[in-house]
PDB file of all heavy atoms in Angstrom:
ATOM      1  N   GLU A   1      -0.031   3.186   4.688  1.00  0.00           N
ATOM      2  CA  GLU A   1       0.044   4.651   4.678  1.00  0.00           C
ATOM      3  C   GLU A   1       1.406   5.135   4.179  1.00  0.00           C
ATOM      4  O   GLU A   1       1.490   6.116   3.434  1.00  0.00           O
ATOM      5  CB  GLU A   1      -0.226   5.202   6.080  1.00  0.00           C
ATOM      6  CG  GLU A   1      -1.664   5.054   6.552  1.00  0.00           C
ATOM      7  CD  GLU A   1      -2.003   3.630   6.967  1.00  0.00           C
ATOM      8  OE1 GLU A   1      -1.043   2.833   7.144  1.00  0.00           O
ATOM      9  OE2 GLU A   1      -3.199   3.316   7.100  1.00  0.00           O
ATOM     10  N   LYS A   2       2.469   4.451   4.592  1.00  0.00           N
ATOM     11  CA  LYS A   2       3.814   4.831   4.143  1.00  0.00           C
ATOM     12  C   LYS A   2       3.961   4.587   2.648  1.00  0.00           C
ATOM     13  O   LYS A   2       4.542   5.417   1.929  1.00  0.00           O
ATOM     14  CB  LYS A   2       4.855   4.016   4.927  1.00  0.00           C
ATOM     15  CG  LYS A   2       6.298   4.382   4.600  1.00  0.00           C
ATOM     16  CD  LYS A   2       6.629   5.800   5.023  1.00  0.00           C
ATOM     17  CE  LYS A   2       8.097   6.110   4.798  1.00  0.00           C
ATOM     18  NZ  LYS A   2       8.448   7.488   5.224  1.00  0.00           N
ATOM     19  N   LEU A   3       3.446   3.469   2.158  1.00  0.00           N
ATOM     20  CA  LEU A   3       3.520   3.187   0.734  1.00  0.00           C
ATOM     21  C   LEU A   3       2.728   4.202  -0.077  1.00  0.00           C
ATOM     22  O   LEU A   3       3.165   4.647  -1.154  1.00  0.00           O
ATOM     23  CB  LEU A   3       3.004   1.771   0.453  1.00  0.00           C
ATOM     24  CG  LEU A   3       3.868   0.619   0.968  1.00  0.00           C
ATOM     25  CD1 LEU A   3       3.177  -0.716   0.731  1.00  0.00           C
ATOM     26  CD2 LEU A   3       5.236   0.608   0.301  1.00  0.00           C
ATOM     27  N   LYS A   4       1.565   4.571   0.425  1.00  0.00           N
ATOM     28  CA  LYS A   4       0.763   5.572  -0.286  1.00  0.00           C
ATOM     29  C   LYS A   4       1.462   6.919  -0.326  1.00  0.00           C
ATOM     30  O   LYS A   4       1.426   7.634  -1.334  1.00  0.00           O
ATOM     31  CB  LYS A   4      -0.596   5.701   0.399  1.00  0.00           C
ATOM     32  CG  LYS A   4      -1.557   6.604  -0.342  1.00  0.00           C
ATOM     33  CD  LYS A   4      -2.922   6.606   0.328  1.00  0.00           C
ATOM     34  CE  LYS A   4      -3.903   7.480  -0.446  1.00  0.00           C
ATOM     35  NZ  LYS A   4      -5.252   7.494   0.188  1.00  0.00           N
ATOM     36  N   GLU A   5       2.136   7.268   0.771  1.00  0.00           N
ATOM     37  CA  GLU A   5       2.865   8.543   0.817  1.00  0.00           C
ATOM     38  C   GLU A   5       4.001   8.583  -0.204  1.00  0.00           C
ATOM     39  O   GLU A   5       4.236   9.612  -0.842  1.00  0.00           O
ATOM     40  CB  GLU A   5       3.416   8.746   2.229  1.00  0.00           C
ATOM     41  CG  GLU A   5       4.232  10.012   2.401  1.00  0.00           C
ATOM     42  CD  GLU A   5       4.870  10.095   3.778  1.00  0.00           C
ATOM     43  OE1 GLU A   5       4.531   9.273   4.651  1.00  0.00           O
ATOM     44  OE2 GLU A   5       5.732  10.980   3.965  1.00  0.00           O
ATOM     45  N   VAL A   6       4.695   7.462  -0.369  1.00  0.00           N
ATOM     46  CA  VAL A   6       5.847   7.422  -1.278  1.00  0.00           C
ATOM     47  C   VAL A   6       5.404   7.305  -2.733  1.00  0.00           C
ATOM     48  O   VAL A   6       5.866   8.061  -3.603  1.00  0.00           O
ATOM     49  CB  VAL A   6       6.771   6.244  -0.896  1.00  0.00           C
ATOM     50  CG1 VAL A   6       7.884   6.093  -1.932  1.00  0.00           C
ATOM     51  CG2 VAL A   6       7.360   6.460   0.489  1.00  0.00           C
ATOM     52  N   PHE A   7       4.495   6.379  -3.027  1.00  0.00           N
ATOM     53  CA  PHE A   7       4.163   6.081  -4.424  1.00  0.00           C
ATOM     54  C   PHE A   7       3.117   7.024  -5.005  1.00  0.00           C
ATOM     55  O   PHE A   7       2.895   7.019  -6.216  1.00  0.00           O
ATOM     56  CB  PHE A   7       3.688   4.634  -4.543  1.00  0.00           C
ATOM     57  CG  PHE A   7       4.809   3.631  -4.494  1.00  0.00           C
ATOM     58  CD1 PHE A   7       5.219   3.097  -3.290  1.00  0.00           C
ATOM     59  CD2 PHE A   7       5.462   3.257  -5.658  1.00  0.00           C
ATOM     60  CE1 PHE A   7       6.264   2.183  -3.243  1.00  0.00           C
ATOM     61  CE2 PHE A   7       6.504   2.343  -5.627  1.00  0.00           C
ATOM     62  CZ  PHE A   7       6.913   1.809  -4.413  1.00  0.00           C
ATOM     63  N   SER A   8       2.484   7.840  -4.196  1.00  0.00           N
ATOM     64  CA  SER A   8       1.550   8.822  -4.741  1.00  0.00           C
ATOM     65  C   SER A   8       2.274   9.975  -5.433  1.00  0.00           C
ATOM     66  O   SER A   8       1.628  10.786  -6.113  1.00  0.00           O
ATOM     67  CB  SER A   8       0.657   9.368  -3.622  1.00  0.00           C
ATOM     68  OG  SER A   8       1.447   9.973  -2.606  1.00  0.00           O
ATOM     69  N   ARG A   9       3.603  10.048  -5.274  1.00  0.00           N
ATOM     70  CA  ARG A   9       4.376  11.082  -5.977  1.00  0.00           C
ATOM     71  C   ARG A   9       4.337  10.881  -7.491  1.00  0.00           C
ATOM     72  O   ARG A   9       4.460  11.841  -8.257  1.00  0.00           O
ATOM     73  CB  ARG A   9       5.834  11.071  -5.518  1.00  0.00           C
ATOM     74  CG  ARG A   9       6.034  11.168  -4.010  1.00  0.00           C
ATOM     75  CD  ARG A   9       7.492  10.925  -3.668  1.00  0.00           C
ATOM     76  NE  ARG A   9       7.724  10.841  -2.221  1.00  0.00           N
ATOM     77  CZ  ARG A   9       8.876  10.440  -1.686  1.00  0.00           C
ATOM     78  NH1 ARG A   9       9.895  10.107  -2.480  1.00  0.00           N
ATOM     79  NH2 ARG A   9       8.995  10.386  -0.374  1.00  0.00           N
ATOM     80  N   TYR A  10       4.171   9.651  -7.925  1.00  0.00           N
ATOM     81  CA  TYR A  10       4.259   9.349  -9.349  1.00  0.00           C
ATOM     82  C   TYR A  10       2.909   9.402 -10.050  1.00  0.00           C
ATOM     83  O   TYR A  10       2.857   9.373 -11.276  1.00  0.00           O
ATOM     84  CB  TYR A  10       4.865   7.955  -9.536  1.00  0.00           C
ATOM     85  CG  TYR A  10       6.164   7.764  -8.781  1.00  0.00           C
ATOM     86  CD1 TYR A  10       6.215   6.988  -7.629  1.00  0.00           C
ATOM     87  CD2 TYR A  10       7.323   8.390  -9.213  1.00  0.00           C
ATOM     88  CE1 TYR A  10       7.396   6.825  -6.933  1.00  0.00           C
ATOM     89  CE2 TYR A  10       8.519   8.242  -8.525  1.00  0.00           C
ATOM     90  CZ  TYR A  10       8.540   7.451  -7.385  1.00  0.00           C
ATOM     91  OH  TYR A  10       9.718   7.305  -6.690  1.00  0.00           O
ATOM     92  N   GLY A  11       1.818   9.469  -9.301  1.00  0.00           N
ATOM     93  CA  GLY A  11       0.494   9.554  -9.914  1.00  0.00           C
ATOM     94  C   GLY A  11      -0.585   9.102  -8.947  1.00  0.00           C
ATOM     95  O   GLY A  11      -0.318   8.734  -7.798  1.00  0.00           O
ATOM     96  N   ASP A  12      -1.814   9.153  -9.432  1.00  0.00           N
ATOM     97  CA  ASP A  12      -2.961   8.788  -8.602  1.00  0.00           C
ATOM     98  C   ASP A  12      -3.037   7.279  -8.432  1.00  0.00           C
ATOM     99  O   ASP A  12      -2.950   6.519  -9.413  1.00  0.00           O
ATOM    100  CB  ASP A  12      -4.255   9.304  -9.242  1.00  0.00           C
ATOM    101  CG  ASP A  12      -4.288  10.824  -9.295  1.00  0.00           C
ATOM    102  OD1 ASP A  12      -3.628  11.453  -8.444  1.00  0.00           O
ATOM    103  OD2 ASP A  12      -4.951  11.376 -10.197  1.00  0.00           O
ATOM    104  N   ILE A  13      -3.206   6.861  -7.181  1.00  0.00           N
ATOM    105  CA  ILE A  13      -3.258   5.435  -6.848  1.00  0.00           C
ATOM    106  C   ILE A  13      -4.717   5.016  -6.688  1.00  0.00           C
ATOM    107  O   ILE A  13      -5.513   5.702  -6.024  1.00  0.00           O
ATOM    108  CB  ILE A  13      -2.478   5.153  -5.551  1.00  0.00           C
ATOM    109  CG1 ILE A  13      -0.992   5.469  -5.759  1.00  0.00           C
ATOM    110  CG2 ILE A  13      -2.646   3.697  -5.128  1.00  0.00           C
ATOM    111  CD1 ILE A  13      -0.153   5.326  -4.500  1.00  0.00           C
ATOM    112  N   ARG A  14      -5.032   3.883  -7.287  1.00  0.00           N
ATOM    113  CA  ARG A  14      -6.383   3.347  -7.162  1.00  0.00           C
ATOM    114  C   ARG A  14      -6.514   2.397  -5.984  1.00  0.00           C
ATOM    115  O   ARG A  14      -7.524   2.409  -5.271  1.00  0.00           O
ATOM    116  CB  ARG A  14      -6.772   2.631  -8.462  1.00  0.00           C
ATOM    117  CG  ARG A  14      -8.169   2.037  -8.457  1.00  0.00           C
ATOM    118  CD  ARG A  14      -8.490   1.450  -9.815  1.00  0.00           C
ATOM    119  NE  ARG A  14      -8.540   2.516 -10.827  1.00  0.00           N
ATOM    120  CZ  ARG A  14      -8.627   2.294 -12.140  1.00  0.00           C
ATOM    121  NH1 ARG A  14      -8.635   1.046 -12.590  1.00  0.00           N
ATOM    122  NH2 ARG A  14      -8.668   3.298 -12.986  1.00  0.00           N
ATOM    123  N   LYS A  15      -5.456   1.561  -5.765  1.00  0.00           N
ATOM    124  CA  LYS A  15      -5.555   0.568  -4.699  1.00  0.00           C
ATOM    125  C   LYS A  15      -4.165   0.127  -4.271  1.00  0.00           C
ATOM    126  O   LYS A  15      -3.259   0.000  -5.094  1.00  0.00           O
ATOM    127  CB  LYS A  15      -6.367  -0.639  -5.189  1.00  0.00           C
ATOM    128  CG  LYS A  15      -6.613  -1.700  -4.122  1.00  0.00           C
ATOM    129  CD  LYS A  15      -7.430  -2.847  -4.706  1.00  0.00           C
ATOM    130  CE  LYS A  15      -7.664  -3.925  -3.661  1.00  0.00           C
ATOM    131  NZ  LYS A  15      -8.440  -5.068  -4.210  1.00  0.00           N
ATOM    132  N   ILE A  16      -3.996  -0.119  -2.975  1.00  0.00           N
ATOM    133  CA  ILE A  16      -2.751  -0.672  -2.420  1.00  0.00           C
ATOM    134  C   ILE A  16      -3.108  -1.930  -1.636  1.00  0.00           C
ATOM    135  O   ILE A  16      -3.983  -1.904  -0.761  1.00  0.00           O
ATOM    136  CB  ILE A  16      -2.042   0.340  -1.495  1.00  0.00           C
ATOM    137  CG1 ILE A  16      -1.574   1.552  -2.287  1.00  0.00           C
ATOM    138  CG2 ILE A  16      -0.849  -0.325  -0.806  1.00  0.00           C
ATOM    139  CD1 ILE A  16      -0.880   2.606  -1.459  1.00  0.00           C
ATOM    140  N   ARG A  17      -2.416  -3.021  -1.959  1.00  0.00           N
ATOM    141  CA  ARG A  17      -2.654  -4.287  -1.248  1.00  0.00           C
ATOM    142  C   ARG A  17      -1.339  -4.782  -0.668  1.00  0.00           C
ATOM    143  O   ARG A  17      -0.483  -5.286  -1.380  1.00  0.00           O
ATOM    144  CB  ARG A  17      -3.238  -5.330  -2.202  1.00  0.00           C
ATOM    145  CG  ARG A  17      -3.527  -6.670  -1.524  1.00  0.00           C
ATOM    146  CD  ARG A  17      -4.396  -7.548  -2.415  1.00  0.00           C
ATOM    147  NE  ARG A  17      -3.725  -7.885  -3.662  1.00  0.00           N
ATOM    148  CZ  ARG A  17      -3.025  -9.016  -3.841  1.00  0.00           C
ATOM    149  NH1 ARG A  17      -2.895  -9.889  -2.850  1.00  0.00           N
ATOM    150  NH2 ARG A  17      -2.455  -9.252  -5.002  1.00  0.00           N
ATOM    151  N   LEU A  18      -1.175  -4.596   0.633  1.00  0.00           N
ATOM    152  CA  LEU A  18       0.001  -5.090   1.348  1.00  0.00           C
ATOM    153  C   LEU A  18      -0.290  -6.514   1.821  1.00  0.00           C
ATOM    154  O   LEU A  18      -1.228  -6.742   2.587  1.00  0.00           O
ATOM    155  CB  LEU A  18       0.323  -4.195   2.545  1.00  0.00           C
ATOM    156  CG  LEU A  18       1.530  -4.589   3.402  1.00  0.00           C
ATOM    157  CD1 LEU A  18       2.816  -4.527   2.583  1.00  0.00           C
ATOM    158  CD2 LEU A  18       1.625  -3.689   4.626  1.00  0.00           C
ATOM    159  N   VAL A  19       0.483  -7.472   1.341  1.00  0.00           N
ATOM    160  CA  VAL A  19       0.225  -8.882   1.629  1.00  0.00           C
ATOM    161  C   VAL A  19       0.630  -9.174   3.060  1.00  0.00           C
ATOM    162  O   VAL A  19       1.758  -8.889   3.475  1.00  0.00           O
ATOM    163  CB  VAL A  19       0.992  -9.785   0.643  1.00  0.00           C
ATOM    164  CG1 VAL A  19       0.720 -11.257   0.946  1.00  0.00           C
ATOM    165  CG2 VAL A  19       0.601  -9.458  -0.786  1.00  0.00           C
ATOM    166  N   ARG A  20      -0.312  -9.764   3.818  1.00  0.00           N
ATOM    167  CA  ARG A  20      -0.084 -10.071   5.226  1.00  0.00           C
ATOM    168  C   ARG A  20      -0.342 -11.550   5.494  1.00  0.00           C
ATOM    169  O   ARG A  20      -1.049 -12.224   4.736  1.00  0.00           O
ATOM    170  CB  ARG A  20      -1.004  -9.217   6.125  1.00  0.00           C
ATOM    171  CG  ARG A  20      -0.733  -7.725   6.033  1.00  0.00           C
ATOM    172  CD  ARG A  20      -1.683  -6.947   6.909  1.00  0.00           C
ATOM    173  NE  ARG A  20      -1.412  -5.510   6.885  1.00  0.00           N
ATOM    174  CZ  ARG A  20      -0.535  -4.907   7.670  1.00  0.00           C
ATOM    175  NH1 ARG A  20       0.149  -5.604   8.567  1.00  0.00           N
ATOM    176  NH2 ARG A  20      -0.334  -3.596   7.579  1.00  0.00           N
ATOM    177  N   ASP A  21       0.237 -12.035   6.569  1.00  0.00           N
ATOM    178  CA  ASP A  21       0.016 -13.420   6.981  1.00  0.00           C
ATOM    179  C   ASP A  21      -1.415 -13.583   7.491  1.00  0.00           C
ATOM    180  O   ASP A  21      -1.920 -12.736   8.241  1.00  0.00           O
ATOM    181  CB  ASP A  21       1.017 -13.803   8.073  1.00  0.00           C
ATOM    182  CG  ASP A  21       0.976 -15.280   8.386  1.00  0.00           C
ATOM    183  OD1 ASP A  21       1.720 -16.041   7.762  1.00  0.00           O
ATOM    184  OD2 ASP A  21       0.184 -15.667   9.287  1.00  0.00           O
ATOM    185  N   LEU A  22      -2.076 -14.675   7.080  1.00  0.00           N
ATOM    186  CA  LEU A  22      -3.476 -14.877   7.448  1.00  0.00           C
ATOM    187  C   LEU A  22      -3.653 -15.136   8.936  1.00  0.00           C
ATOM    188  O   LEU A  22      -4.690 -14.799   9.517  1.00  0.00           O
ATOM    189  CB  LEU A  22      -4.061 -16.051   6.651  1.00  0.00           C
ATOM    190  CG  LEU A  22      -4.174 -15.838   5.140  1.00  0.00           C
ATOM    191  CD1 LEU A  22      -4.656 -17.109   4.468  1.00  0.00           C
ATOM    192  CD2 LEU A  22      -5.102 -14.671   4.820  1.00  0.00           C
ATOM    193  N   VAL A  23      -2.644 -15.730   9.576  1.00  0.00           N
ATOM    194  CA  VAL A  23      -2.755 -16.085  10.990  1.00  0.00           C
ATOM    195  C   VAL A  23      -2.307 -14.935  11.890  1.00  0.00           C
ATOM    196  O   VAL A  23      -3.048 -14.487  12.778  1.00  0.00           O
ATOM    197  CB  VAL A  23      -1.934 -17.362  11.289  1.00  0.00           C
ATOM    198  CG1 VAL A  23      -2.021 -17.709  12.772  1.00  0.00           C
ATOM    199  CG2 VAL A  23      -2.419 -18.512  10.427  1.00  0.00           C
ATOM    200  N   THR A  24      -1.103 -14.438  11.676  1.00  0.00           N
ATOM    201  CA  THR A  24      -0.535 -13.404  12.560  1.00  0.00           C
ATOM    202  C   THR A  24      -0.932 -11.987  12.156  1.00  0.00           C
ATOM    203  O   THR A  24      -0.953 -11.090  12.993  1.00  0.00           O
ATOM    204  CB  THR A  24       0.998 -13.509  12.574  1.00  0.00           C
ATOM    205  OG1 THR A  24       1.501 -13.280  11.245  1.00  0.00           O
ATOM    206  CG2 THR A  24       1.432 -14.893  13.030  1.00  0.00           C
ATOM    207  N   GLY A  25      -1.204 -11.788  10.861  1.00  0.00           N
ATOM    208  CA  GLY A  25      -1.525 -10.443  10.393  1.00  0.00           C
ATOM    209  C   GLY A  25      -0.320  -9.581  10.119  1.00  0.00           C
ATOM    210  O   GLY A  25      -0.453  -8.405   9.741  1.00  0.00           O
TER     211      GLY A  25
END
């Protein structure tokens, strides 16, 4: 949500993928 708030200033975003650890999340 924070990334979408910041980077949506530059244009329309299609997808955001925040890389997370498979075990801990």
